[in-house]
Amino acid sequence: MASEKQLEDLKAGWTALAAGEMDKLAGFYAEDMIFVLPGQDDVLTGRSAFRSALDGIGQALPPGFAIKDLRYCQGDNEIVNVLEFKSDKLPNGSQCAVLFKFGPDDLIVEERWFVDTEQWKAAF
């Protein structure tokens, strides 16, 4: 089961993202972390690459993207978020899953998004 610290840090990370506090968000990730978005051929490797990508987060998300609900499913050193969202072209919303794996220091070592890629593309 994920630790209480991992769960609280993950919640704080989502709050930082919503507030535009990208440096704070990046601080929850390990230096050698990996990040995979749906449909990407390349994987971002390393916290600095991840932090740089956060500056362009607006282009990575569909117009009008808003999170409606987050559910936390805990496993051993991992948490899966079931994320309910809406966007301009998906006003009734949809869901995706985001996997977060944690290292021994409780920092995130992997973030991986799972979405219906055809629907995701159509949301743009």
N, C-alpha and C. Protein backbone atom coordinates (compact mmCIF):
# COMPACT_ATOMS: atom_id res chain seq x y z
N MET A 1 0.84 -1.18 0.00
CA MET A 1 0.00 0.00 0.00
C MET A 1 0.89 1.24 0.00
N ALA A 2 0.51 2.23 -0.78
CA ALA A 2 1.25 3.49 -0.81
C ALA A 2 1.25 4.11 0.58
N SER A 3 2.31 4.84 0.89
CA SER A 3 2.40 5.47 2.21
C SER A 3 1.50 6.70 2.26
N GLU A 4 1.20 7.12 3.47
CA GLU A 4 0.41 8.33 3.66
C GLU A 4 1.13 9.55 3.06
N LYS A 5 2.46 9.58 3.19
CA LYS A 5 3.25 10.69 2.62
C LYS A 5 3.11 10.71 1.10
N GLN A 6 3.19 9.55 0.47
CA GLN A 6 3.04 9.49 -0.99
C GLN A 6 1.68 10.03 -1.41
N LEU A 7 0.63 9.63 -0.71
CA LEU A 7 -0.71 10.09 -1.04
C LEU A 7 -0.84 11.60 -0.84
N GLU A 8 -0.36 12.10 0.27
CA GLU A 8 -0.45 13.54 0.55
C GLU A 8 0.38 14.35 -0.44
N ASP A 9 1.57 13.86 -0.79
CA ASP A 9 2.40 14.55 -1.77
C ASP A 9 1.73 14.57 -3.14
N LEU A 10 1.09 13.48 -3.51
CA LEU A 10 0.40 13.43 -4.79
C LEU A 10 -0.74 14.43 -4.82
N LYS A 11 -1.51 14.50 -3.76
CA LYS A 11 -2.59 15.48 -3.68
C LYS A 11 -2.02 16.90 -3.75
N ALA A 12 -0.92 17.14 -3.07
CA ALA A 12 -0.28 18.46 -3.10
C ALA A 12 0.25 18.78 -4.50
N GLY A 13 0.69 17.76 -5.22
CA GLY A 13 1.16 17.95 -6.59
C GLY A 13 0.03 18.40 -7.52
N TRP A 14 -1.13 17.77 -7.39
CA TRP A 14 -2.28 18.19 -8.21
C TRP A 14 -2.68 19.62 -7.87
N THR A 15 -2.62 19.97 -6.59
CA THR A 15 -2.95 21.33 -6.16
C THR A 15 -1.95 22.33 -6.73
N ALA A 16 -0.67 21.97 -6.72
CA ALA A 16 0.37 22.83 -7.30
C ALA A 16 0.14 23.03 -8.79
N LEU A 17 -0.22 21.96 -9.49
CA LEU A 17 -0.49 22.06 -10.93
C LEU A 17 -1.64 23.03 -11.17
N ALA A 18 -2.73 22.89 -10.42
CA ALA A 18 -3.89 23.76 -10.59
C ALA A 18 -3.55 25.21 -10.30
N ALA A 19 -2.62 25.44 -9.38
CA ALA A 19 -2.23 26.80 -8.99
C ALA A 19 -1.12 27.36 -9.88
N GLY A 20 -0.61 26.56 -10.82
CA GLY A 20 0.47 27.02 -11.69
C GLY A 20 1.83 27.06 -11.00
N GLU A 21 1.98 26.34 -9.90
CA GLU A 21 3.24 26.31 -9.15
C GLU A 21 4.11 25.15 -9.66
N MET A 22 4.70 25.35 -10.82
CA MET A 22 5.40 24.27 -11.51
C MET A 22 6.68 23.84 -10.81
N ASP A 23 7.40 24.76 -10.19
CA ASP A 23 8.61 24.38 -9.46
C ASP A 23 8.24 23.50 -8.26
N LYS A 24 7.18 23.86 -7.57
CA LYS A 24 6.72 23.04 -6.45
C LYS A 24 6.31 21.66 -6.93
N LEU A 25 5.56 21.60 -8.04
CA LEU A 25 5.15 20.32 -8.59
C LEU A 25 6.36 19.45 -8.93
N ALA A 26 7.33 20.01 -9.61
CA ALA A 26 8.52 19.25 -10.01
C ALA A 26 9.29 18.73 -8.81
N GLY A 27 9.19 19.38 -7.68
CA GLY A 27 9.88 18.95 -6.47
C GLY A 27 9.41 17.62 -5.91
N PHE A 28 8.27 17.13 -6.36
CA PHE A 28 7.75 15.84 -5.91
C PHE A 28 8.32 14.66 -6.73
N TYR A 29 9.17 14.97 -7.71
CA TYR A 29 9.70 13.96 -8.64
C TYR A 29 11.19 13.72 -8.41
N ALA A 30 11.61 12.48 -8.62
CA ALA A 30 13.02 12.11 -8.50
C ALA A 30 13.80 12.67 -9.69
N GLU A 31 15.09 12.87 -9.50
CA GLU A 31 15.95 13.39 -10.56
C GLU A 31 15.91 12.52 -11.82
N ASP A 32 15.82 11.21 -11.65
CA ASP A 32 15.88 10.29 -12.79
C ASP A 32 14.51 9.75 -13.19
N MET A 33 13.47 10.51 -12.92
CA MET A 33 12.11 10.07 -13.21
C MET A 33 11.85 9.98 -14.72
N ILE A 34 10.75 9.27 -15.08
CA ILE A 34 10.30 9.24 -16.47
C ILE A 34 8.84 9.67 -16.51
N PHE A 35 8.46 10.27 -17.63
CA PHE A 35 7.11 10.78 -17.82
C PHE A 35 6.63 10.39 -19.21
N VAL A 36 5.46 9.74 -19.28
CA VAL A 36 4.93 9.29 -20.56
C VAL A 36 3.50 9.80 -20.71
N LEU A 37 3.26 10.58 -21.76
CA LEU A 37 1.92 11.03 -22.10
C LEU A 37 1.37 10.15 -23.22
N PRO A 38 0.05 10.09 -23.35
CA PRO A 38 -0.52 9.24 -24.40
C PRO A 38 -0.11 9.71 -25.80
N GLY A 39 0.17 8.75 -26.65
CA GLY A 39 0.47 9.05 -28.03
C GLY A 39 1.87 9.56 -28.29
N GLN A 40 2.69 9.71 -27.26
CA GLN A 40 4.05 10.20 -27.46
C GLN A 40 4.96 9.06 -27.88
N ASP A 41 5.84 9.36 -28.82
CA ASP A 41 6.85 8.39 -29.21
C ASP A 41 8.03 8.42 -28.26
N ASP A 42 8.27 9.57 -27.67
CA ASP A 42 9.41 9.74 -26.78
C ASP A 42 8.94 9.81 -25.34
N VAL A 43 9.81 9.41 -24.45
CA VAL A 43 9.56 9.49 -23.02
C VAL A 43 10.45 10.59 -22.47
N LEU A 44 9.87 11.48 -21.67
CA LEU A 44 10.71 12.47 -20.99
C LEU A 44 11.46 11.78 -19.87
N THR A 45 12.76 11.99 -19.82
CA THR A 45 13.58 11.38 -18.78
C THR A 45 14.26 12.48 -17.99
N GLY A 46 14.08 12.45 -16.69
CA GLY A 46 14.74 13.40 -15.80
C GLY A 46 13.83 14.54 -15.38
N ARG A 47 14.01 14.95 -14.14
CA ARG A 47 13.18 16.02 -13.59
C ARG A 47 13.34 17.32 -14.35
N SER A 48 14.55 17.65 -14.82
CA SER A 48 14.74 18.92 -15.53
C SER A 48 13.97 18.93 -16.85
N ALA A 49 13.95 17.81 -17.57
CA ALA A 49 13.17 17.72 -18.82
C ALA A 49 11.67 17.83 -18.52
N PHE A 50 11.25 17.18 -17.44
CA PHE A 50 9.86 17.25 -17.02
C PHE A 50 9.48 18.69 -16.66
N ARG A 51 10.36 19.35 -15.89
CA ARG A 51 10.08 20.73 -15.47
C ARG A 51 9.99 21.64 -16.68
N SER A 52 10.86 21.46 -17.66
CA SER A 52 10.80 22.27 -18.88
C SER A 52 9.50 22.05 -19.63
N ALA A 53 9.04 20.80 -19.68
CA ALA A 53 7.79 20.48 -20.36
C ALA A 53 6.59 21.13 -19.67
N LEU A 54 6.67 21.31 -18.37
CA LEU A 54 5.57 21.93 -17.65
C LEU A 54 5.31 23.36 -18.11
N ASP A 55 6.33 24.02 -18.64
CA ASP A 55 6.13 25.38 -19.15
C ASP A 55 5.20 25.40 -20.35
N GLY A 56 5.08 24.28 -21.05
CA GLY A 56 4.19 24.18 -22.21
C GLY A 56 2.96 23.34 -21.94
N ILE A 57 2.58 23.22 -20.67
CA ILE A 57 1.46 22.34 -20.30
C ILE A 57 0.17 22.73 -21.02
N GLY A 58 0.00 24.01 -21.29
CA GLY A 58 -1.22 24.46 -21.97
C GLY A 58 -1.38 23.87 -23.36
N GLN A 59 -0.25 23.63 -24.05
CA GLN A 59 -0.32 23.04 -25.39
C GLN A 59 -0.51 21.53 -25.34
N ALA A 60 -0.20 20.91 -24.21
CA ALA A 60 -0.30 19.46 -24.09
C ALA A 60 -1.70 19.00 -23.71
N LEU A 61 -2.51 19.94 -23.21
CA LEU A 61 -3.86 19.61 -22.77
C LEU A 61 -4.88 20.21 -23.73
N PRO A 62 -6.01 19.54 -23.91
CA PRO A 62 -7.04 20.07 -24.82
C PRO A 62 -7.57 21.43 -24.34
N PRO A 63 -8.00 22.28 -25.26
CA PRO A 63 -8.58 23.57 -24.88
C PRO A 63 -9.75 23.37 -23.91
N GLY A 64 -9.76 24.19 -22.87
CA GLY A 64 -10.83 24.11 -21.88
C GLY A 64 -10.72 22.95 -20.93
N PHE A 65 -9.54 22.30 -20.89
CA PHE A 65 -9.34 21.13 -20.02
C PHE A 65 -9.57 21.52 -18.57
N ALA A 66 -10.40 20.73 -17.89
CA ALA A 66 -10.65 20.94 -16.47
C ALA A 66 -10.89 19.60 -15.80
N ILE A 67 -10.27 19.40 -14.65
CA ILE A 67 -10.47 18.17 -13.89
C ILE A 67 -11.75 18.31 -13.08
N LYS A 68 -12.64 17.33 -13.24
CA LYS A 68 -13.90 17.33 -12.50
C LYS A 68 -13.81 16.50 -11.22
N ASP A 69 -12.99 15.44 -11.24
CA ASP A 69 -12.89 14.57 -10.07
C ASP A 69 -11.60 13.75 -10.18
N LEU A 70 -11.04 13.41 -9.04
CA LEU A 70 -9.87 12.54 -8.95
C LEU A 70 -10.16 11.46 -7.92
N ARG A 71 -9.89 10.22 -8.30
CA ARG A 71 -9.97 9.11 -7.35
C ARG A 71 -8.59 8.49 -7.24
N TYR A 72 -8.26 8.04 -6.03
CA TYR A 72 -6.93 7.51 -5.74
C TYR A 72 -7.03 6.02 -5.44
N CYS A 73 -6.37 5.21 -6.25
CA CYS A 73 -6.32 3.76 -6.06
C CYS A 73 -4.88 3.41 -5.70
N GLN A 74 -4.69 2.93 -4.47
CA GLN A 74 -3.34 2.73 -3.96
C GLN A 74 -2.87 1.28 -4.10
N GLY A 75 -1.60 1.13 -4.46
CA GLY A 75 -0.94 -0.16 -4.51
C GLY A 75 0.38 -0.06 -3.78
N ASP A 76 1.26 -1.03 -3.98
CA ASP A 76 2.59 -1.01 -3.35
C ASP A 76 3.47 0.02 -4.05
N ASN A 77 3.77 1.11 -3.35
CA ASN A 77 4.61 2.19 -3.87
C ASN A 77 4.10 2.73 -5.20
N GLU A 78 2.78 2.69 -5.39
CA GLU A 78 2.20 3.30 -6.57
C GLU A 78 0.77 3.73 -6.27
N ILE A 79 0.35 4.74 -6.99
CA ILE A 79 -1.02 5.23 -6.90
C ILE A 79 -1.51 5.47 -8.32
N VAL A 80 -2.70 4.99 -8.62
CA VAL A 80 -3.35 5.28 -9.89
C VAL A 80 -4.47 6.27 -9.61
N ASN A 81 -4.45 7.37 -10.34
CA ASN A 81 -5.55 8.31 -10.28
C ASN A 81 -6.50 8.02 -11.42
N VAL A 82 -7.76 7.88 -11.13
CA VAL A 82 -8.79 7.89 -12.15
C VAL A 82 -9.23 9.35 -12.20
N LEU A 83 -9.02 9.95 -13.34
CA LEU A 83 -9.22 11.37 -13.51
C LEU A 83 -10.42 11.60 -14.41
N GLU A 84 -11.44 12.27 -13.90
CA GLU A 84 -12.57 12.68 -14.71
C GLU A 84 -12.31 14.10 -15.16
N PHE A 85 -12.45 14.35 -16.46
CA PHE A 85 -12.16 15.68 -16.99
C PHE A 85 -13.18 16.06 -18.04
N LYS A 86 -13.19 17.34 -18.35
CA LYS A 86 -13.97 17.84 -19.48
C LYS A 86 -13.09 18.79 -20.26
N SER A 87 -13.50 19.10 -21.47
CA SER A 87 -12.81 20.09 -22.29
C SER A 87 -13.84 20.71 -23.22
N ASP A 88 -13.42 21.72 -23.97
CA ASP A 88 -14.35 22.40 -24.86
C ASP A 88 -15.06 21.44 -25.82
N LYS A 89 -14.30 20.51 -26.40
CA LYS A 89 -14.88 19.57 -27.36
C LYS A 89 -15.44 18.31 -26.71
N LEU A 90 -15.26 18.16 -25.42
CA LEU A 90 -15.82 17.04 -24.66
C LEU A 90 -16.58 17.60 -23.45
N PRO A 91 -17.64 18.38 -23.70
CA PRO A 91 -18.32 19.04 -22.58
C PRO A 91 -18.98 18.06 -21.61
N ASN A 92 -19.29 16.86 -22.07
CA ASN A 92 -19.87 15.85 -21.18
C ASN A 92 -18.79 15.08 -20.42
N GLY A 93 -17.55 15.34 -20.78
CA GLY A 93 -16.43 14.77 -20.05
C GLY A 93 -16.01 13.39 -20.50
N SER A 94 -14.95 12.93 -19.88
CA SER A 94 -14.38 11.62 -20.12
C SER A 94 -13.53 11.26 -18.91
N GLN A 95 -12.85 10.13 -19.01
CA GLN A 95 -11.98 9.67 -17.95
C GLN A 95 -10.66 9.19 -18.53
N CYS A 96 -9.64 9.23 -17.71
CA CYS A 96 -8.37 8.61 -18.03
C CYS A 96 -7.75 8.15 -16.72
N ALA A 97 -6.67 7.43 -16.82
CA ALA A 97 -5.95 6.96 -15.63
C ALA A 97 -4.52 7.46 -15.70
N VAL A 98 -3.98 7.79 -14.54
CA VAL A 98 -2.60 8.26 -14.45
C VAL A 98 -1.91 7.43 -13.37
N LEU A 99 -0.85 6.74 -13.76
CA LEU A 99 -0.07 5.90 -12.85
C LEU A 99 1.11 6.70 -12.31
N PHE A 100 1.28 6.68 -11.00
CA PHE A 100 2.43 7.28 -10.34
C PHE A 100 3.15 6.18 -9.56
N LYS A 101 4.43 5.95 -9.88
CA LYS A 101 5.26 5.00 -9.13
C LYS A 101 6.25 5.80 -8.28
N PHE A 102 6.48 5.32 -7.06
CA PHE A 102 7.35 6.01 -6.11
C PHE A 102 8.60 5.21 -5.83
N GLY A 103 9.70 5.93 -5.62
CA GLY A 103 10.97 5.32 -5.24
C GLY A 103 11.07 5.20 -3.73
N PRO A 104 12.19 4.66 -3.25
CA PRO A 104 12.37 4.46 -1.81
C PRO A 104 12.38 5.75 -1.00
N ASP A 105 12.62 6.88 -1.66
CA ASP A 105 12.62 8.17 -0.97
C ASP A 105 11.26 8.87 -1.05
N ASP A 106 10.24 8.14 -1.51
CA ASP A 106 8.87 8.63 -1.66
C ASP A 106 8.71 9.67 -2.77
N LEU A 107 9.72 9.88 -3.60
CA LEU A 107 9.58 10.75 -4.75
C LEU A 107 9.02 9.95 -5.93
N ILE A 108 8.32 10.62 -6.83
CA ILE A 108 7.76 9.96 -8.00
C ILE A 108 8.88 9.63 -8.98
N VAL A 109 8.95 8.36 -9.39
CA VAL A 109 9.97 7.92 -10.35
C VAL A 109 9.37 7.67 -11.73
N GLU A 110 8.03 7.55 -11.79
CA GLU A 110 7.38 7.34 -13.08
C GLU A 110 5.97 7.90 -13.02
N GLU A 111 5.61 8.63 -14.08
CA GLU A 111 4.23 9.07 -14.29
C GLU A 111 3.85 8.65 -15.70
N ARG A 112 2.72 7.98 -15.81
CA ARG A 112 2.30 7.46 -17.11
C ARG A 112 0.79 7.65 -17.25
N TRP A 113 0.39 8.32 -18.34
CA TRP A 113 -1.03 8.59 -18.61
C TRP A 113 -1.59 7.52 -19.55
N PHE A 114 -2.81 7.07 -19.24
CA PHE A 114 -3.53 6.10 -20.06
C PHE A 114 -4.86 6.73 -20.47
N VAL A 115 -5.01 7.00 -21.77
CA VAL A 115 -6.23 7.62 -22.28
C VAL A 115 -6.64 6.96 -23.58
N ASP A 116 -7.87 7.21 -23.97
CA ASP A 116 -8.34 6.83 -25.30
C ASP A 116 -7.69 7.84 -26.25
N THR A 117 -6.64 7.44 -26.95
CA THR A 117 -5.86 8.40 -27.73
C THR A 117 -6.66 9.03 -28.86
N GLU A 118 -7.58 8.29 -29.46
CA GLU A 118 -8.41 8.86 -30.52
C GLU A 118 -9.30 9.96 -29.96
N GLN A 119 -9.90 9.71 -28.82
CA GLN A 119 -10.73 10.72 -28.18
C GLN A 119 -9.89 11.91 -27.76
N TRP A 120 -8.71 11.65 -27.22
CA TRP A 120 -7.81 12.71 -26.79
C TRP A 120 -7.45 13.62 -27.96
N LYS A 121 -7.09 13.02 -29.09
CA LYS A 121 -6.76 13.80 -30.28
C LYS A 121 -7.95 14.63 -30.74
N ALA A 122 -9.15 14.04 -30.70
CA ALA A 122 -10.36 14.74 -31.13
C ALA A 122 -10.69 15.90 -30.20
N ALA A 123 -10.20 15.88 -28.97
CA ALA A 123 -10.47 16.96 -28.02
C ALA A 123 -9.72 18.23 -28.38
N PHE A 124 -8.77 18.14 -29.30
CA PHE A 124 -8.04 19.32 -29.74
C PHE A 124 -8.74 19.91 -30.94
